[in-house]
Each structure stands twice: as structure tokens, then as C-alpha cells.
């Protein structure tokens, strides 16, 4: 069972399982992205991997591909 997101001083730290479910990918995809050094930034916190949802959201917006704009080129 996944631990709930930890919250310290206003910052939420999600486990890989929580973050994967939140953004609609599998934990294996997040692990592959970490190994390949792509995907949203992650942090080593107390011996575990954690993601900050605000940083993940910013990463996803920054790297978003707009298929309509690409088709127009």
C-alpha cells in the first residue's frame, strides 16, 4: 500500500506510485524516465524517491507538445 503524500511546511512530497497515478503513467514509466534522466524532476528524501506535484506540473506544461501547432508547420 502506498503511503499518503507527505506535507511539510506547505510542500507536498508524493511517492512514485502517487505521482504516477496523478499524472496518468505507471510507476515503471517513472522509473524508466529516472534511469534515462528524462521526465519530471525527482528528489531523494530520507532514502526514498519523492516528487513535488507543483514541479511535475510545471515540467509537463513546459514540455507539452501542441499537435495542432506542429501540423501547421
C-alpha atoms as a PDB file:
ATOM      1  CA  UNK A   1       0.000   0.000   0.000  1.00  0.00           C
ATOM      2  CA  UNK A   2       1.253   3.463  -0.909  1.00  0.00           C
ATOM      3  CA  UNK A   3       1.952   5.997   1.806  1.00  0.00           C
ATOM      4  CA  UNK A   4      -0.057   9.212   1.646  1.00  0.00           C
ATOM      5  CA  UNK A   5       1.695  12.299   0.360  1.00  0.00           C
ATOM      6  CA  UNK A   6       3.920  13.865   2.996  1.00  0.00           C
ATOM      7  CA  UNK A   7       3.334  17.526   3.666  1.00  0.00           C
ATOM      8  CA  UNK A   8       5.946  19.692   5.350  1.00  0.00           C
ATOM      9  CA  UNK A   9       5.933  23.463   5.552  1.00  0.00           C
ATOM     10  CA  UNK A  10       3.405  23.780   2.758  1.00  0.00           C
ATOM     11  CA  UNK A  11       5.256  21.458   0.364  1.00  0.00           C
ATOM     12  CA  UNK A  12       3.707  18.192  -0.797  1.00  0.00           C
ATOM     13  CA  UNK A  13       6.032  15.264  -1.490  1.00  0.00           C
ATOM     14  CA  UNK A  14       4.439  12.409  -3.446  1.00  0.00           C
ATOM     15  CA  UNK A  15       5.718   8.855  -3.708  1.00  0.00           C
ATOM     16  CA  UNK A  16       6.300   7.496  -7.222  1.00  0.00           C
ATOM     17  CA  UNK A  17       3.040   5.499  -7.028  1.00  0.00           C
ATOM     18  CA  UNK A  18       1.025   8.565  -6.023  1.00  0.00           C
ATOM     19  CA  UNK A  19       2.625  10.769  -8.657  1.00  0.00           C
ATOM     20  CA  UNK A  20       2.277   8.146 -11.400  1.00  0.00           C
ATOM     21  CA  UNK A  21      -1.445   7.792 -10.677  1.00  0.00           C
ATOM     22  CA  UNK A  22      -1.840  11.563 -10.551  1.00  0.00           C
ATOM     23  CA  UNK A  23      -0.299  12.167 -13.997  1.00  0.00           C
ATOM     24  CA  UNK A  24      -1.633   9.008 -15.646  1.00  0.00           C
ATOM     25  CA  UNK A  25       1.508   6.912 -16.143  1.00  0.00           C
ATOM     26  CA  UNK A  26       2.790   3.754 -14.489  1.00  0.00           C
ATOM     27  CA  UNK A  27       5.447   3.572 -11.791  1.00  0.00           C
ATOM     28  CA  UNK A  28       7.553   1.656 -14.332  1.00  0.00           C
ATOM     29  CA  UNK A  29       7.361   4.654 -16.666  1.00  0.00           C
ATOM     30  CA  UNK A  30       8.554   6.986 -13.902  1.00  0.00           C
ATOM     31  CA  UNK A  31      11.391   4.561 -13.093  1.00  0.00           C
ATOM     32  CA  UNK A  32      12.391   4.394 -16.775  1.00  0.00           C
ATOM     33  CA  UNK A  33      12.341   8.185 -17.001  1.00  0.00           C
ATOM     34  CA  UNK A  34      14.579   8.439 -13.909  1.00  0.00           C
ATOM     35  CA  UNK A  35      17.073   5.953 -15.364  1.00  0.00           C
ATOM     36  CA  UNK A  36      17.061   7.799 -18.695  1.00  0.00           C
ATOM     37  CA  UNK A  37      17.330  11.171 -16.959  1.00  0.00           C
ATOM     38  CA  UNK A  38      14.152  12.449 -18.614  1.00  0.00           C
ATOM     39  CA  UNK A  39      10.756  13.211 -17.156  1.00  0.00           C
ATOM     40  CA  UNK A  40       9.819  15.345 -14.187  1.00  0.00           C
ATOM     41  CA  UNK A  41      12.452  16.202 -11.578  1.00  0.00           C
ATOM     42  CA  UNK A  42      12.527  13.943  -8.539  1.00  0.00           C
ATOM     43  CA  UNK A  43      14.177  14.118  -5.144  1.00  0.00           C
ATOM     44  CA  UNK A  44      15.855  11.641  -2.820  1.00  0.00           C
ATOM     45  CA  UNK A  45      14.173  12.293   0.530  1.00  0.00           C
ATOM     46  CA  UNK A  46      15.004  10.183   3.595  1.00  0.00           C
ATOM     47  CA  UNK A  47      16.143   7.291   1.421  1.00  0.00           C
ATOM     48  CA  UNK A  48      13.052   7.331  -0.797  1.00  0.00           C
ATOM     49  CA  UNK A  49      12.182   8.904  -4.122  1.00  0.00           C
ATOM     50  CA  UNK A  50       9.674  11.733  -3.967  1.00  0.00           C
ATOM     51  CA  UNK A  51       8.067  14.095  -6.453  1.00  0.00           C
ATOM     52  CA  UNK A  52       6.689  17.574  -5.896  1.00  0.00           C
ATOM     53  CA  UNK A  53       3.388  17.911  -7.766  1.00  0.00           C
ATOM     54  CA  UNK A  54       3.911  21.624  -8.419  1.00  0.00           C
ATOM     55  CA  UNK A  55       7.287  20.937 -10.068  1.00  0.00           C
ATOM     56  CA  UNK A  56       5.898  17.981 -12.035  1.00  0.00           C
ATOM     57  CA  UNK A  57       3.030  20.141 -13.318  1.00  0.00           C
ATOM     58  CA  UNK A  58       5.455  22.890 -14.381  1.00  0.00           C
ATOM     59  CA  UNK A  59       7.629  20.302 -16.156  1.00  0.00           C
ATOM     60  CA  UNK A  60       4.628  18.843 -18.012  1.00  0.00           C
ATOM     61  CA  UNK A  61       3.459  22.294 -19.123  1.00  0.00           C
ATOM     62  CA  UNK A  62       6.963  23.266 -20.236  1.00  0.00           C
ATOM     63  CA  UNK A  63       7.492  20.106 -22.300  1.00  0.00           C
ATOM     64  CA  UNK A  64       3.950  19.880 -23.686  1.00  0.00           C
ATOM     65  CA  UNK A  65       3.712  19.229 -27.410  1.00  0.00           C
ATOM     66  CA  UNK A  66       0.934  21.011 -29.271  1.00  0.00           C
ATOM     67  CA  UNK A  67      -0.097  18.724 -32.149  1.00  0.00           C
ATOM     68  CA  UNK A  68      -2.152  21.461 -33.832  1.00  0.00           C
ATOM     69  CA  UNK A  69       0.817  23.845 -33.965  1.00  0.00           C
ATOM     70  CA  UNK A  70       3.122  21.066 -35.236  1.00  0.00           C
ATOM     71  CA  UNK A  71       0.658  20.120 -38.013  1.00  0.00           C
ATOM     72  CA  UNK A  72       0.519  23.742 -39.170  1.00  0.00           C
ATOM     73  CA  UNK A  73       4.290  23.937 -39.733  1.00  0.00           C
END
